[in-house]
Amino acid sequence: MEASSPKTAATDCDVAAAAADLLDQGVIIDRLSRPITIAALIGLMIGLGLGLGALLIASLLVVTLAGLAETYLATRAGFDAAVLRRLAAGEHASDFDKLDEALVALGLAGSEHGMSRRALGARRLLVLQGATLVFQVAVVLLATALVHAHAS
């Protein structure tokens, strides 16, 4: 039987690095969402010219808007990952307060700080990004089923 080593608490740098790695997964979500968004936008432009049904046009519009929201979330996730990576590297260890003030001034952070809060915010951001992709796919599937049912 091996003796277990005592657990050491994660440092702020460890939490920042893990949160940055988590946000990096948003790239996968963005790669899946982007072609759906482009296809919906093209379909919307063509559909308006061809006079497709209101249901299909509305569905394409919703998918396009959700895709634009996902693109914003992906951009924000990339920015946050870069900031967290800099914090994990210790580049701003002495300037934590200045960085927090800058993020608040930009409207990118709330008044309450702390690495655990940042990590929870990163997780929430990734969940929102994933939910947006799921919503896009659900609208596409629902619209396809409704159009197919209407055609039958």
C-alpha atoms as a PDB file:
ATOM      1  CA  MET A   1       0.000   0.000   0.000  1.00  0.00           C
ATOM      2  CA  GLU A   2       1.461   3.312  -1.100  1.00  0.00           C
ATOM      3  CA  ALA A   3       1.480   6.356   1.071  1.00  0.00           C
ATOM      4  CA  SER A   4      -0.498   9.123  -0.501  1.00  0.00           C
ATOM      5  CA  SER A   5       1.137  12.467  -0.836  1.00  0.00           C
ATOM      6  CA  PRO A   6      -0.532  15.420   0.826  1.00  0.00           C
ATOM      7  CA  LYS A   7      -2.788  17.417  -1.459  1.00  0.00           C
ATOM      8  CA  THR A   8      -1.641  20.851  -2.381  1.00  0.00           C
ATOM      9  CA  ALA A   9      -4.094  23.592  -3.146  1.00  0.00           C
ATOM     10  CA  ALA A  10      -4.224  24.900  -6.661  1.00  0.00           C
ATOM     11  CA  THR A  11      -2.620  28.290  -7.033  1.00  0.00           C
ATOM     12  CA  ASP A  12      -4.239  31.163  -8.882  1.00  0.00           C
ATOM     13  CA  CYS A  13      -1.834  30.479 -11.735  1.00  0.00           C
ATOM     14  CA  ASP A  14      -3.005  26.854 -11.917  1.00  0.00           C
ATOM     15  CA  VAL A  15      -6.662  27.916 -11.963  1.00  0.00           C
ATOM     16  CA  ALA A  16      -5.967  30.559 -14.621  1.00  0.00           C
ATOM     17  CA  ALA A  17      -4.164  28.036 -16.820  1.00  0.00           C
ATOM     18  CA  ALA A  18      -6.982  25.489 -16.465  1.00  0.00           C
ATOM     19  CA  ALA A  19      -9.623  28.134 -17.256  1.00  0.00           C
ATOM     20  CA  ALA A  20      -7.659  29.248 -20.338  1.00  0.00           C
ATOM     21  CA  ASP A  21      -7.440  25.632 -21.500  1.00  0.00           C
ATOM     22  CA  LEU A  22     -11.184  25.272 -20.978  1.00  0.00           C
ATOM     23  CA  LEU A  23     -11.898  28.374 -23.046  1.00  0.00           C
ATOM     24  CA  ASP A  24      -9.674  27.030 -25.814  1.00  0.00           C
ATOM     25  CA  GLN A  25     -12.327  24.354 -26.361  1.00  0.00           C
ATOM     26  CA  GLY A  26     -14.608  27.094 -27.641  1.00  0.00           C
ATOM     27  CA  VAL A  27     -12.662  26.957 -30.904  1.00  0.00           C
ATOM     28  CA  ILE A  28     -14.251  23.560 -31.593  1.00  0.00           C
ATOM     29  CA  ILE A  29     -17.721  24.981 -30.999  1.00  0.00           C
ATOM     30  CA  ASP A  30     -16.960  27.935 -33.266  1.00  0.00           C
ATOM     31  CA  ARG A  31     -15.714  25.640 -36.050  1.00  0.00           C
ATOM     32  CA  LEU A  32     -19.016  23.763 -35.906  1.00  0.00           C
ATOM     33  CA  SER A  33     -21.198  26.866 -35.705  1.00  0.00           C
ATOM     34  CA  ARG A  34     -19.542  28.934 -38.391  1.00  0.00           C
ATOM     35  CA  PRO A  35     -20.552  26.805 -41.429  1.00  0.00           C
ATOM     36  CA  ILE A  36     -24.122  26.581 -40.105  1.00  0.00           C
ATOM     37  CA  THR A  37     -24.209  30.361 -39.771  1.00  0.00           C
ATOM     38  CA  ILE A  38     -22.791  30.911 -43.255  1.00  0.00           C
ATOM     39  CA  ALA A  39     -25.209  28.412 -44.809  1.00  0.00           C
ATOM     40  CA  ALA A  40     -28.141  30.078 -43.036  1.00  0.00           C
ATOM     41  CA  LEU A  41     -27.014  33.521 -44.167  1.00  0.00           C
ATOM     42  CA  ILE A  42     -26.646  32.367 -47.780  1.00  0.00           C
ATOM     43  CA  GLY A  43     -30.011  30.610 -47.553  1.00  0.00           C
ATOM     44  CA  LEU A  44     -31.568  33.770 -46.158  1.00  0.00           C
ATOM     45  CA  MET A  45     -30.221  35.906 -49.001  1.00  0.00           C
ATOM     46  CA  ILE A  46     -31.330  33.421 -51.644  1.00  0.00           C
ATOM     47  CA  GLY A  47     -34.610  32.719 -49.884  1.00  0.00           C
ATOM     48  CA  LEU A  48     -35.605  36.357 -49.795  1.00  0.00           C
ATOM     49  CA  GLY A  49     -35.030  36.581 -53.542  1.00  0.00           C
ATOM     50  CA  LEU A  50     -36.947  33.383 -54.287  1.00  0.00           C
ATOM     51  CA  GLY A  51     -39.815  34.118 -51.923  1.00  0.00           C
ATOM     52  CA  LEU A  52     -39.448  31.045 -49.727  1.00  0.00           C
ATOM     53  CA  GLY A  53     -42.070  30.531 -47.044  1.00  0.00           C
ATOM     54  CA  ALA A  54     -42.192  32.675 -43.936  1.00  0.00           C
ATOM     55  CA  LEU A  55     -41.360  29.735 -41.666  1.00  0.00           C
ATOM     56  CA  LEU A  56     -38.179  28.932 -43.557  1.00  0.00           C
ATOM     57  CA  ILE A  57     -37.116  32.579 -43.757  1.00  0.00           C
ATOM     58  CA  ALA A  58     -37.759  33.059 -40.021  1.00  0.00           C
ATOM     59  CA  SER A  59     -35.798  29.903 -39.218  1.00  0.00           C
ATOM     60  CA  LEU A  60     -32.851  31.001 -41.331  1.00  0.00           C
ATOM     61  CA  LEU A  61     -32.921  34.415 -39.668  1.00  0.00           C
ATOM     62  CA  VAL A  62     -32.941  32.884 -36.172  1.00  0.00           C
ATOM     63  CA  VAL A  63     -30.069  30.526 -37.056  1.00  0.00           C
ATOM     64  CA  THR A  64     -28.071  33.428 -38.508  1.00  0.00           C
ATOM     65  CA  LEU A  65     -28.633  35.619 -35.436  1.00  0.00           C
ATOM     66  CA  ALA A  66     -27.717  32.748 -33.106  1.00  0.00           C
ATOM     67  CA  GLY A  67     -24.569  32.206 -35.172  1.00  0.00           C
ATOM     68  CA  LEU A  68     -23.625  35.853 -34.824  1.00  0.00           C
ATOM     69  CA  ALA A  69     -24.121  35.576 -31.055  1.00  0.00           C
ATOM     70  CA  GLU A  70     -21.916  32.472 -31.032  1.00  0.00           C
ATOM     71  CA  THR A  71     -19.243  34.352 -32.985  1.00  0.00           C
ATOM     72  CA  TYR A  72     -19.281  37.095 -30.350  1.00  0.00           C
ATOM     73  CA  LEU A  73     -18.997  34.495 -27.587  1.00  0.00           C
ATOM     74  CA  ALA A  74     -16.101  32.812 -29.421  1.00  0.00           C
ATOM     75  CA  THR A  75     -14.304  36.136 -29.734  1.00  0.00           C
ATOM     76  CA  ARG A  76     -14.857  36.848 -26.055  1.00  0.00           C
ATOM     77  CA  ALA A  77     -13.693  33.336 -25.099  1.00  0.00           C
ATOM     78  CA  GLY A  78     -10.499  33.841 -27.100  1.00  0.00           C
ATOM     79  CA  PHE A  79      -9.839  37.178 -25.422  1.00  0.00           C
ATOM     80  CA  ASP A  80     -10.503  35.773 -21.963  1.00  0.00           C
ATOM     81  CA  ALA A  81      -8.266  32.768 -22.671  1.00  0.00           C
ATOM     82  CA  ALA A  82      -5.423  35.109 -23.646  1.00  0.00           C
ATOM     83  CA  VAL A  83      -5.884  37.191 -20.483  1.00  0.00           C
ATOM     84  CA  LEU A  84      -6.010  34.071 -18.308  1.00  0.00           C
ATOM     85  CA  ARG A  85      -2.930  32.663 -19.998  1.00  0.00           C
ATOM     86  CA  ARG A  86      -1.038  35.899 -19.231  1.00  0.00           C
ATOM     87  CA  LEU A  87      -2.191  35.699 -15.629  1.00  0.00           C
ATOM     88  CA  ALA A  88      -1.124  32.050 -15.434  1.00  0.00           C
ATOM     89  CA  ALA A  89       2.311  32.977 -16.756  1.00  0.00           C
ATOM     90  CA  GLY A  90       2.621  35.529 -13.997  1.00  0.00           C
ATOM     91  CA  GLU A  91       3.042  38.451 -16.396  1.00  0.00           C
ATOM     92  CA  HIS A  92       0.601  40.538 -14.399  1.00  0.00           C
ATOM     93  CA  ALA A  93       1.081  39.112 -10.931  1.00  0.00           C
ATOM     94  CA  SER A  94       2.080  42.502  -9.546  1.00  0.00           C
ATOM     95  CA  ASP A  95      -0.471  44.379 -11.651  1.00  0.00           C
ATOM     96  CA  PHE A  96      -3.579  42.314 -10.824  1.00  0.00           C
ATOM     97  CA  ASP A  97      -5.428  45.377  -9.587  1.00  0.00           C
ATOM     98  CA  LYS A  98      -4.514  47.414 -12.676  1.00  0.00           C
ATOM     99  CA  LEU A  99      -5.652  44.600 -14.954  1.00  0.00           C
ATOM    100  CA  ASP A 100      -8.930  44.313 -13.052  1.00  0.00           C
ATOM    101  CA  GLU A 101      -9.488  48.065 -13.337  1.00  0.00           C
ATOM    102  CA  ALA A 102      -8.826  47.929 -17.076  1.00  0.00           C
ATOM    103  CA  LEU A 103     -11.252  45.019 -17.557  1.00  0.00           C
ATOM    104  CA  VAL A 104     -13.943  46.807 -15.542  1.00  0.00           C
ATOM    105  CA  ALA A 105     -13.374  50.014 -17.535  1.00  0.00           C
ATOM    106  CA  LEU A 106     -13.845  48.037 -20.759  1.00  0.00           C
ATOM    107  CA  GLY A 107     -17.009  46.454 -19.386  1.00  0.00           C
ATOM    108  CA  LEU A 108     -15.417  43.017 -19.589  1.00  0.00           C
ATOM    109  CA  ALA A 109     -15.461  42.218 -15.876  1.00  0.00           C
ATOM    110  CA  GLY A 110     -17.649  42.848 -12.875  1.00  0.00           C
ATOM    111  CA  SER A 111     -16.573  44.621  -9.753  1.00  0.00           C
ATOM    112  CA  GLU A 112     -15.943  41.362  -7.864  1.00  0.00           C
ATOM    113  CA  HIS A 113     -12.694  39.676  -8.806  1.00  0.00           C
ATOM    114  CA  GLY A 114     -10.737  36.609  -7.877  1.00  0.00           C
ATOM    115  CA  MET A 115      -9.404  33.721  -9.848  1.00  0.00           C
ATOM    116  CA  SER A 116     -12.183  31.334  -8.821  1.00  0.00           C
ATOM    117  CA  ARG A 117     -14.748  33.861 -10.078  1.00  0.00           C
ATOM    118  CA  ARG A 118     -12.833  34.214 -13.335  1.00  0.00           C
ATOM    119  CA  ALA A 119     -12.774  30.428 -13.740  1.00  0.00           C
ATOM    120  CA  LEU A 120     -16.525  30.202 -13.136  1.00  0.00           C
ATOM    121  CA  GLY A 121     -17.053  32.985 -15.659  1.00  0.00           C
ATOM    122  CA  ALA A 122     -14.940  31.095 -18.189  1.00  0.00           C
ATOM    123  CA  ARG A 123     -17.032  27.975 -17.680  1.00  0.00           C
ATOM    124  CA  ARG A 124     -20.252  29.973 -18.025  1.00  0.00           C
ATOM    125  CA  LEU A 125     -18.972  31.550 -21.237  1.00  0.00           C
ATOM    126  CA  LEU A 126     -18.146  28.154 -22.743  1.00  0.00           C
ATOM    127  CA  VAL A 127     -21.547  26.769 -21.724  1.00  0.00           C
ATOM    128  CA  LEU A 128     -23.286  29.748 -23.374  1.00  0.00           C
ATOM    129  CA  GLN A 129     -21.252  29.235 -26.518  1.00  0.00           C
ATOM    130  CA  GLY A 130     -22.163  25.541 -26.604  1.00  0.00           C
ATOM    131  CA  ALA A 131     -25.830  26.264 -25.888  1.00  0.00           C
ATOM    132  CA  THR A 132     -25.901  28.687 -28.799  1.00  0.00           C
ATOM    133  CA  LEU A 133     -24.602  25.981 -31.134  1.00  0.00           C
ATOM    134  CA  VAL A 134     -27.164  23.489 -29.801  1.00  0.00           C
ATOM    135  CA  PHE A 135     -29.885  26.092 -30.364  1.00  0.00           C
ATOM    136  CA  GLN A 136     -28.740  26.622 -33.962  1.00  0.00           C
ATOM    137  CA  VAL A 137     -28.821  22.894 -34.679  1.00  0.00           C
ATOM    138  CA  ALA A 138     -32.208  22.501 -32.976  1.00  0.00           C
ATOM    139  CA  VAL A 139     -33.746  25.282 -35.076  1.00  0.00           C
ATOM    140  CA  VAL A 140     -32.329  23.772 -38.275  1.00  0.00           C
ATOM    141  CA  LEU A 141     -33.693  20.322 -37.385  1.00  0.00           C
ATOM    142  CA  LEU A 142     -37.078  21.670 -36.324  1.00  0.00           C
ATOM    143  CA  ALA A 143     -37.447  23.832 -39.434  1.00  0.00           C
ATOM    144  CA  THR A 144     -36.423  20.915 -41.644  1.00  0.00           C
ATOM    145  CA  ALA A 145     -38.983  18.651 -39.987  1.00  0.00           C
ATOM    146  CA  LEU A 146     -41.738  21.262 -40.267  1.00  0.00           C
ATOM    147  CA  VAL A 147     -40.984  21.998 -43.927  1.00  0.00           C
ATOM    148  CA  HIS A 148     -40.886  18.268 -44.670  1.00  0.00           C
ATOM    149  CA  ALA A 149     -44.178  17.687 -42.819  1.00  0.00           C
ATOM    150  CA  HIS A 150     -45.806  20.604 -44.654  1.00  0.00           C
ATOM    151  CA  ALA A 151     -44.611  19.284 -48.037  1.00  0.00           C
ATOM    152  CA  SER A 152     -46.015  15.802 -47.386  1.00  0.00           C
END
